[in-house]
Structures are given as structure tokens and as C-alpha cells.
Amino acid sequence: RWPMPAVTAVMTDGGTPRMNAMVWIEDSAARISRGQADAVTSEGLHVKLAEPPAFGQGDEVAVRIALERGAPTLATRARVGLVRGSAGAVECSLVWSAPASDRQELEAWLARAA
């Protein structure tokens, strides 16, 4: 399910808005948080979440990303760098923890988007 309305484009390494990426983040207890990435880079991503997550800073999480509506999801792992909530909005930053060799599809998309 596409978790949030598409309102902004994802910024890539090159700083060019490309598309909206939907993100599903699963913590170690199999709880899933949904959101929309507003930045995806070769180092990680920044996500606006639909609700406060059960995970916290430093946690290792599984991540699925749909780079555009109807596209297959890409799966990888990341470490939570930051979780912040203010004025009813929740956001988090994730840093890829899987080796680049396990993120080849994502890296290829980033290269095409740059």
C-alpha cells in the first residue's frame, strides 16, 4: 500500500528531484513503520514517517523502498541515525549498513537519477 500522498520529489545525490519513494522500515520485533523518503543517497536516506516508530537511534532495521508507484521494492538494511518528532510530524534518518554489493539496484537507480 502506498502509505502517504505524493507531495514532494525525492532528492538524489545530484540534488535533482526525481520521484517519490515510499519506504517501509521493519524493526527487530517485526513492527513496520511506513513513510515517504525525501532524500535518498549512496550513504542513506531521510524519511518522513506516517506515525511515531517503535525503533530508535542506533537500531538496525530492514528497509524496503519503492522508488515509484507500482515498482518492485528494493530491500536492504540500515542503522537508524536520528528519529525526531515535532509539530505532529515524525522524521528519521537512516544510514545504509548493508555492503554496497547488496545495494546494487539502489546504486544503479541513484546513478541514473544523477
N, C-alpha and C. Protein backbone atom coordinates (compact mmCIF):
# COMPACT_ATOMS: atom_id res chain seq x y z
N ARG A 1 0.84 -1.18 0.00
CA ARG A 1 0.00 0.00 0.00
C ARG A 1 0.88 1.24 0.00
N TRP A 2 0.58 2.19 -0.82
CA TRP A 2 1.31 3.45 -0.88
C TRP A 2 0.93 4.23 0.37
N PRO A 3 1.84 4.45 1.33
CA PRO A 3 1.44 4.91 2.65
C PRO A 3 1.07 6.37 2.77
N MET A 4 1.57 7.23 1.94
CA MET A 4 1.32 8.65 2.11
C MET A 4 1.09 9.30 0.75
N PRO A 5 0.39 10.42 0.73
CA PRO A 5 0.20 11.10 -0.54
C PRO A 5 1.52 11.61 -1.09
N ALA A 6 1.65 11.56 -2.40
CA ALA A 6 2.87 12.05 -3.04
C ALA A 6 2.80 13.57 -3.10
N VAL A 7 3.65 14.23 -2.33
CA VAL A 7 3.63 15.68 -2.30
C VAL A 7 4.97 16.29 -2.67
N THR A 8 6.04 15.54 -2.55
CA THR A 8 7.35 16.08 -2.89
C THR A 8 8.12 15.05 -3.68
N ALA A 9 9.16 15.49 -4.33
CA ALA A 9 10.01 14.58 -5.08
C ALA A 9 11.23 14.22 -4.24
N VAL A 10 11.78 13.06 -4.47
CA VAL A 10 12.98 12.62 -3.77
C VAL A 10 14.18 13.35 -4.33
N MET A 11 15.02 13.86 -3.45
CA MET A 11 16.28 14.46 -3.86
C MET A 11 17.32 13.35 -3.87
N THR A 12 18.13 13.28 -4.92
CA THR A 12 19.16 12.26 -5.04
C THR A 12 20.53 12.88 -4.80
N ASP A 13 21.58 12.07 -4.94
CA ASP A 13 22.95 12.56 -4.73
C ASP A 13 23.23 13.82 -5.54
N GLY A 14 22.71 13.87 -6.75
CA GLY A 14 22.95 15.02 -7.62
C GLY A 14 22.10 16.22 -7.28
N GLY A 15 21.18 16.09 -6.32
CA GLY A 15 20.34 17.21 -5.91
C GLY A 15 19.16 17.45 -6.83
N THR A 16 18.91 16.54 -7.76
CA THR A 16 17.83 16.69 -8.71
C THR A 16 16.58 15.97 -8.21
N PRO A 17 15.44 16.68 -8.11
CA PRO A 17 14.21 15.97 -7.73
C PRO A 17 13.82 14.97 -8.81
N ARG A 18 13.53 13.73 -8.41
CA ARG A 18 13.21 12.70 -9.40
C ARG A 18 11.81 12.13 -9.21
N MET A 19 11.53 11.53 -8.10
CA MET A 19 10.25 10.86 -7.88
C MET A 19 10.04 10.66 -6.39
N ASN A 20 8.86 10.22 -6.02
CA ASN A 20 8.56 9.94 -4.62
C ASN A 20 8.86 8.48 -4.32
N ALA A 21 9.63 8.25 -3.28
CA ALA A 21 9.97 6.89 -2.89
C ALA A 21 9.23 6.56 -1.59
N MET A 22 8.47 5.49 -1.61
CA MET A 22 7.79 5.02 -0.41
C MET A 22 8.72 4.06 0.32
N VAL A 23 8.68 4.11 1.64
CA VAL A 23 9.61 3.34 2.46
C VAL A 23 8.85 2.58 3.55
N TRP A 24 9.24 1.33 3.74
CA TRP A 24 8.74 0.51 4.83
C TRP A 24 9.94 0.11 5.67
N ILE A 25 9.89 0.39 6.96
CA ILE A 25 11.02 0.12 7.85
C ILE A 25 10.56 -0.88 8.90
N GLU A 26 11.27 -2.01 8.98
CA GLU A 26 10.91 -3.07 9.93
C GLU A 26 11.97 -3.17 11.02
N ASP A 27 11.52 -3.10 12.28
CA ASP A 27 12.46 -3.21 13.39
C ASP A 27 12.66 -4.67 13.78
N SER A 28 13.46 -4.91 14.81
CA SER A 28 13.80 -6.29 15.21
C SER A 28 12.62 -7.07 15.75
N ALA A 29 11.55 -6.38 16.15
CA ALA A 29 10.35 -7.06 16.65
C ALA A 29 9.30 -7.23 15.54
N ALA A 30 9.69 -7.00 14.29
CA ALA A 30 8.83 -7.15 13.11
C ALA A 30 7.72 -6.10 13.04
N ARG A 31 7.88 -4.97 13.74
CA ARG A 31 6.92 -3.86 13.61
C ARG A 31 7.35 -3.02 12.43
N ILE A 32 6.38 -2.62 11.62
CA ILE A 32 6.67 -1.89 10.39
C ILE A 32 6.17 -0.45 10.49
N SER A 33 7.06 0.47 10.14
CA SER A 33 6.71 1.89 10.04
C SER A 33 6.76 2.25 8.57
N ARG A 34 5.81 3.09 8.14
CA ARG A 34 5.74 3.48 6.73
C ARG A 34 5.99 4.97 6.61
N GLY A 35 6.57 5.35 5.47
CA GLY A 35 6.81 6.77 5.24
C GLY A 35 7.20 7.05 3.82
N GLN A 36 7.61 8.28 3.61
CA GLN A 36 7.99 8.76 2.29
C GLN A 36 9.39 9.36 2.38
N ALA A 37 10.30 8.89 1.54
CA ALA A 37 11.67 9.41 1.54
C ALA A 37 11.69 10.76 0.83
N ASP A 38 12.34 11.73 1.46
CA ASP A 38 12.52 12.99 0.77
C ASP A 38 13.97 13.18 0.33
N ALA A 39 14.84 12.22 0.68
CA ALA A 39 16.21 12.22 0.18
C ALA A 39 16.73 10.78 0.22
N VAL A 40 17.34 10.36 -0.88
CA VAL A 40 17.96 9.04 -0.97
C VAL A 40 19.34 9.26 -1.57
N THR A 41 20.38 8.78 -0.86
CA THR A 41 21.75 8.93 -1.34
C THR A 41 22.48 7.61 -1.23
N SER A 42 23.71 7.58 -1.67
CA SER A 42 24.50 6.35 -1.56
C SER A 42 24.91 6.08 -0.11
N GLU A 43 24.73 7.07 0.78
CA GLU A 43 25.03 6.87 2.20
C GLU A 43 23.81 6.45 3.01
N GLY A 44 22.62 6.82 2.58
CA GLY A 44 21.42 6.50 3.34
C GLY A 44 20.21 7.26 2.83
N LEU A 45 19.22 7.49 3.71
CA LEU A 45 18.01 8.19 3.30
C LEU A 45 17.39 8.92 4.47
N HIS A 46 16.55 9.88 4.14
CA HIS A 46 15.79 10.64 5.13
C HIS A 46 14.32 10.38 4.84
N VAL A 47 13.56 10.03 5.88
CA VAL A 47 12.17 9.60 5.69
C VAL A 47 11.23 10.41 6.57
N LYS A 48 10.11 10.85 5.99
CA LYS A 48 9.01 11.42 6.77
C LYS A 48 8.06 10.27 7.05
N LEU A 49 7.84 9.99 8.34
CA LEU A 49 7.04 8.84 8.74
C LEU A 49 5.57 9.21 8.94
N ALA A 50 4.70 8.23 8.74
CA ALA A 50 3.27 8.44 8.91
C ALA A 50 2.88 8.53 10.39
N GLU A 51 3.70 7.92 11.28
CA GLU A 51 3.44 7.92 12.72
C GLU A 51 4.73 7.63 13.46
N PRO A 52 4.77 7.89 14.76
CA PRO A 52 6.00 7.62 15.52
C PRO A 52 6.38 6.13 15.43
N PRO A 53 7.67 5.85 15.23
CA PRO A 53 8.12 4.46 15.09
C PRO A 53 8.43 3.81 16.43
N ALA A 54 8.53 2.50 16.44
CA ALA A 54 8.93 1.76 17.63
C ALA A 54 10.45 1.68 17.72
N PHE A 55 11.17 1.90 16.62
CA PHE A 55 12.63 1.84 16.64
C PHE A 55 13.20 3.18 17.12
N GLY A 56 14.48 3.13 17.49
CA GLY A 56 15.15 4.33 17.98
C GLY A 56 16.53 4.48 17.40
N GLN A 57 17.17 5.57 17.74
CA GLN A 57 18.50 5.86 17.25
C GLN A 57 19.44 4.72 17.57
N GLY A 58 20.23 4.31 16.58
CA GLY A 58 21.20 3.23 16.74
C GLY A 58 20.68 1.86 16.40
N ASP A 59 19.36 1.70 16.27
CA ASP A 59 18.79 0.38 15.95
C ASP A 59 19.11 -0.02 14.51
N GLU A 60 19.28 -1.31 14.31
CA GLU A 60 19.44 -1.88 12.97
C GLU A 60 18.05 -2.24 12.47
N VAL A 61 17.70 -1.85 11.24
CA VAL A 61 16.37 -2.09 10.69
C VAL A 61 16.47 -2.63 9.27
N ALA A 62 15.43 -3.32 8.85
CA ALA A 62 15.29 -3.75 7.47
C ALA A 62 14.49 -2.67 6.74
N VAL A 63 14.89 -2.38 5.51
CA VAL A 63 14.25 -1.30 4.76
C VAL A 63 13.81 -1.82 3.40
N ARG A 64 12.60 -1.46 3.01
CA ARG A 64 12.10 -1.72 1.65
C ARG A 64 11.74 -0.38 1.05
N ILE A 65 12.14 -0.17 -0.19
CA ILE A 65 11.91 1.09 -0.87
C ILE A 65 11.25 0.83 -2.21
N ALA A 66 10.15 1.53 -2.48
CA ALA A 66 9.54 1.53 -3.81
C ALA A 66 9.87 2.89 -4.42
N LEU A 67 10.70 2.89 -5.43
CA LEU A 67 11.18 4.15 -6.00
C LEU A 67 10.13 4.88 -6.80
N GLU A 68 9.09 4.19 -7.22
CA GLU A 68 7.95 4.84 -7.86
C GLU A 68 6.73 3.95 -7.71
N ARG A 69 5.56 4.55 -7.84
CA ARG A 69 4.31 3.82 -7.66
C ARG A 69 4.26 2.59 -8.57
N GLY A 70 3.96 1.44 -7.96
CA GLY A 70 3.83 0.21 -8.72
C GLY A 70 5.14 -0.50 -8.99
N ALA A 71 6.26 0.12 -8.66
CA ALA A 71 7.57 -0.50 -8.90
C ALA A 71 7.84 -1.57 -7.86
N PRO A 72 8.61 -2.58 -8.22
CA PRO A 72 9.02 -3.57 -7.22
C PRO A 72 9.83 -2.87 -6.12
N THR A 73 9.79 -3.42 -4.93
CA THR A 73 10.55 -2.81 -3.84
C THR A 73 11.99 -3.32 -3.85
N LEU A 74 12.88 -2.47 -3.35
CA LEU A 74 14.27 -2.85 -3.13
C LEU A 74 14.43 -3.08 -1.64
N ALA A 75 15.15 -4.12 -1.26
CA ALA A 75 15.32 -4.44 0.16
C ALA A 75 16.78 -4.28 0.55
N THR A 76 17.02 -3.71 1.72
CA THR A 76 18.37 -3.58 2.26
C THR A 76 18.28 -3.39 3.77
N ARG A 77 19.40 -3.12 4.39
CA ARG A 77 19.45 -2.90 5.84
C ARG A 77 20.08 -1.54 6.11
N ALA A 78 19.69 -0.96 7.26
CA ALA A 78 20.22 0.35 7.63
C ALA A 78 20.25 0.46 9.15
N ARG A 79 21.03 1.44 9.61
CA ARG A 79 21.07 1.79 11.03
C ARG A 79 20.39 3.13 11.18
N VAL A 80 19.56 3.26 12.23
CA VAL A 80 18.83 4.50 12.47
C VAL A 80 19.81 5.53 13.03
N GLY A 81 19.94 6.64 12.31
CA GLY A 81 20.82 7.71 12.75
C GLY A 81 20.12 8.74 13.61
N LEU A 82 18.83 8.95 13.34
CA LEU A 82 18.09 10.00 14.03
C LEU A 82 16.60 9.73 13.92
N VAL A 83 15.87 9.96 14.99
CA VAL A 83 14.40 9.98 14.96
C VAL A 83 14.00 11.27 15.64
N ARG A 84 13.18 12.07 14.96
CA ARG A 84 12.78 13.36 15.53
C ARG A 84 11.31 13.61 15.22
N GLY A 85 10.61 14.11 16.21
CA GLY A 85 9.20 14.46 16.04
C GLY A 85 8.97 15.88 16.50
N SER A 86 8.20 16.63 15.71
CA SER A 86 7.83 17.99 16.10
C SER A 86 6.61 18.41 15.32
N ALA A 87 5.73 19.14 15.97
CA ALA A 87 4.53 19.69 15.33
C ALA A 87 3.74 18.63 14.57
N GLY A 88 3.61 17.45 15.15
CA GLY A 88 2.82 16.40 14.53
C GLY A 88 3.51 15.65 13.40
N ALA A 89 4.75 16.00 13.09
CA ALA A 89 5.49 15.32 12.03
C ALA A 89 6.61 14.49 12.66
N VAL A 90 6.88 13.33 12.07
CA VAL A 90 7.96 12.47 12.55
C VAL A 90 8.87 12.19 11.36
N GLU A 91 10.17 12.29 11.60
CA GLU A 91 11.13 12.02 10.54
C GLU A 91 12.27 11.20 11.11
N CYS A 92 12.95 10.48 10.22
CA CYS A 92 14.12 9.73 10.65
C CYS A 92 15.15 9.73 9.53
N SER A 93 16.39 9.57 9.94
CA SER A 93 17.49 9.42 9.00
C SER A 93 18.07 8.03 9.19
N LEU A 94 18.32 7.36 8.08
CA LEU A 94 18.87 6.01 8.11
C LEU A 94 20.18 6.00 7.33
N VAL A 95 21.16 5.25 7.83
CA VAL A 95 22.45 5.09 7.18
C VAL A 95 22.55 3.63 6.74
N TRP A 96 22.84 3.41 5.46
CA TRP A 96 22.92 2.04 4.95
C TRP A 96 23.95 1.26 5.76
N SER A 97 23.61 0.05 6.17
CA SER A 97 24.55 -0.81 6.88
C SER A 97 24.91 -2.04 6.05
N ALA A 98 24.12 -2.33 5.05
CA ALA A 98 24.44 -3.44 4.15
C ALA A 98 25.57 -2.99 3.22
N PRO A 99 26.46 -3.89 2.84
CA PRO A 99 27.53 -3.51 1.92
C PRO A 99 26.96 -3.05 0.58
N ALA A 100 27.70 -2.20 -0.10
CA ALA A 100 27.27 -1.66 -1.39
C ALA A 100 26.93 -2.78 -2.37
N SER A 101 27.63 -3.91 -2.28
CA SER A 101 27.35 -5.03 -3.19
C SER A 101 25.94 -5.56 -3.01
N ASP A 102 25.35 -5.38 -1.83
CA ASP A 102 23.98 -5.81 -1.57
C ASP A 102 22.95 -4.75 -1.96
N ARG A 103 23.43 -3.57 -2.38
CA ARG A 103 22.53 -2.47 -2.76
C ARG A 103 22.70 -2.08 -4.22
N GLN A 104 23.05 -3.03 -5.07
CA GLN A 104 23.36 -2.73 -6.47
C GLN A 104 22.19 -2.08 -7.21
N GLU A 105 20.96 -2.57 -7.00
CA GLU A 105 19.81 -1.98 -7.69
C GLU A 105 19.61 -0.53 -7.28
N LEU A 106 19.73 -0.27 -6.00
CA LEU A 106 19.59 1.10 -5.50
C LEU A 106 20.69 1.99 -6.05
N GLU A 107 21.93 1.52 -6.03
CA GLU A 107 23.04 2.30 -6.56
C GLU A 107 22.86 2.57 -8.05
N ALA A 108 22.32 1.60 -8.79
CA ALA A 108 22.06 1.82 -10.22
C ALA A 108 21.00 2.88 -10.42
N TRP A 109 19.95 2.87 -9.58
CA TRP A 109 18.91 3.90 -9.70
C TRP A 109 19.49 5.27 -9.39
N LEU A 110 20.32 5.38 -8.33
CA LEU A 110 20.94 6.65 -7.98
C LEU A 110 21.80 7.17 -9.13
N ALA A 111 22.54 6.27 -9.78
CA ALA A 111 23.38 6.68 -10.90
C ALA A 111 22.55 7.20 -12.06
N ARG A 112 21.42 6.54 -12.34
CA ARG A 112 20.54 7.02 -13.43
C ARG A 112 19.88 8.34 -13.08
N ALA A 113 19.58 8.56 -11.80
CA ALA A 113 18.86 9.76 -11.37
C ALA A 113 19.77 10.99 -11.28
N ALA A 114 21.07 10.75 -11.19
CA ALA A 114 22.02 11.88 -11.01
C ALA A 114 22.13 12.74 -12.25
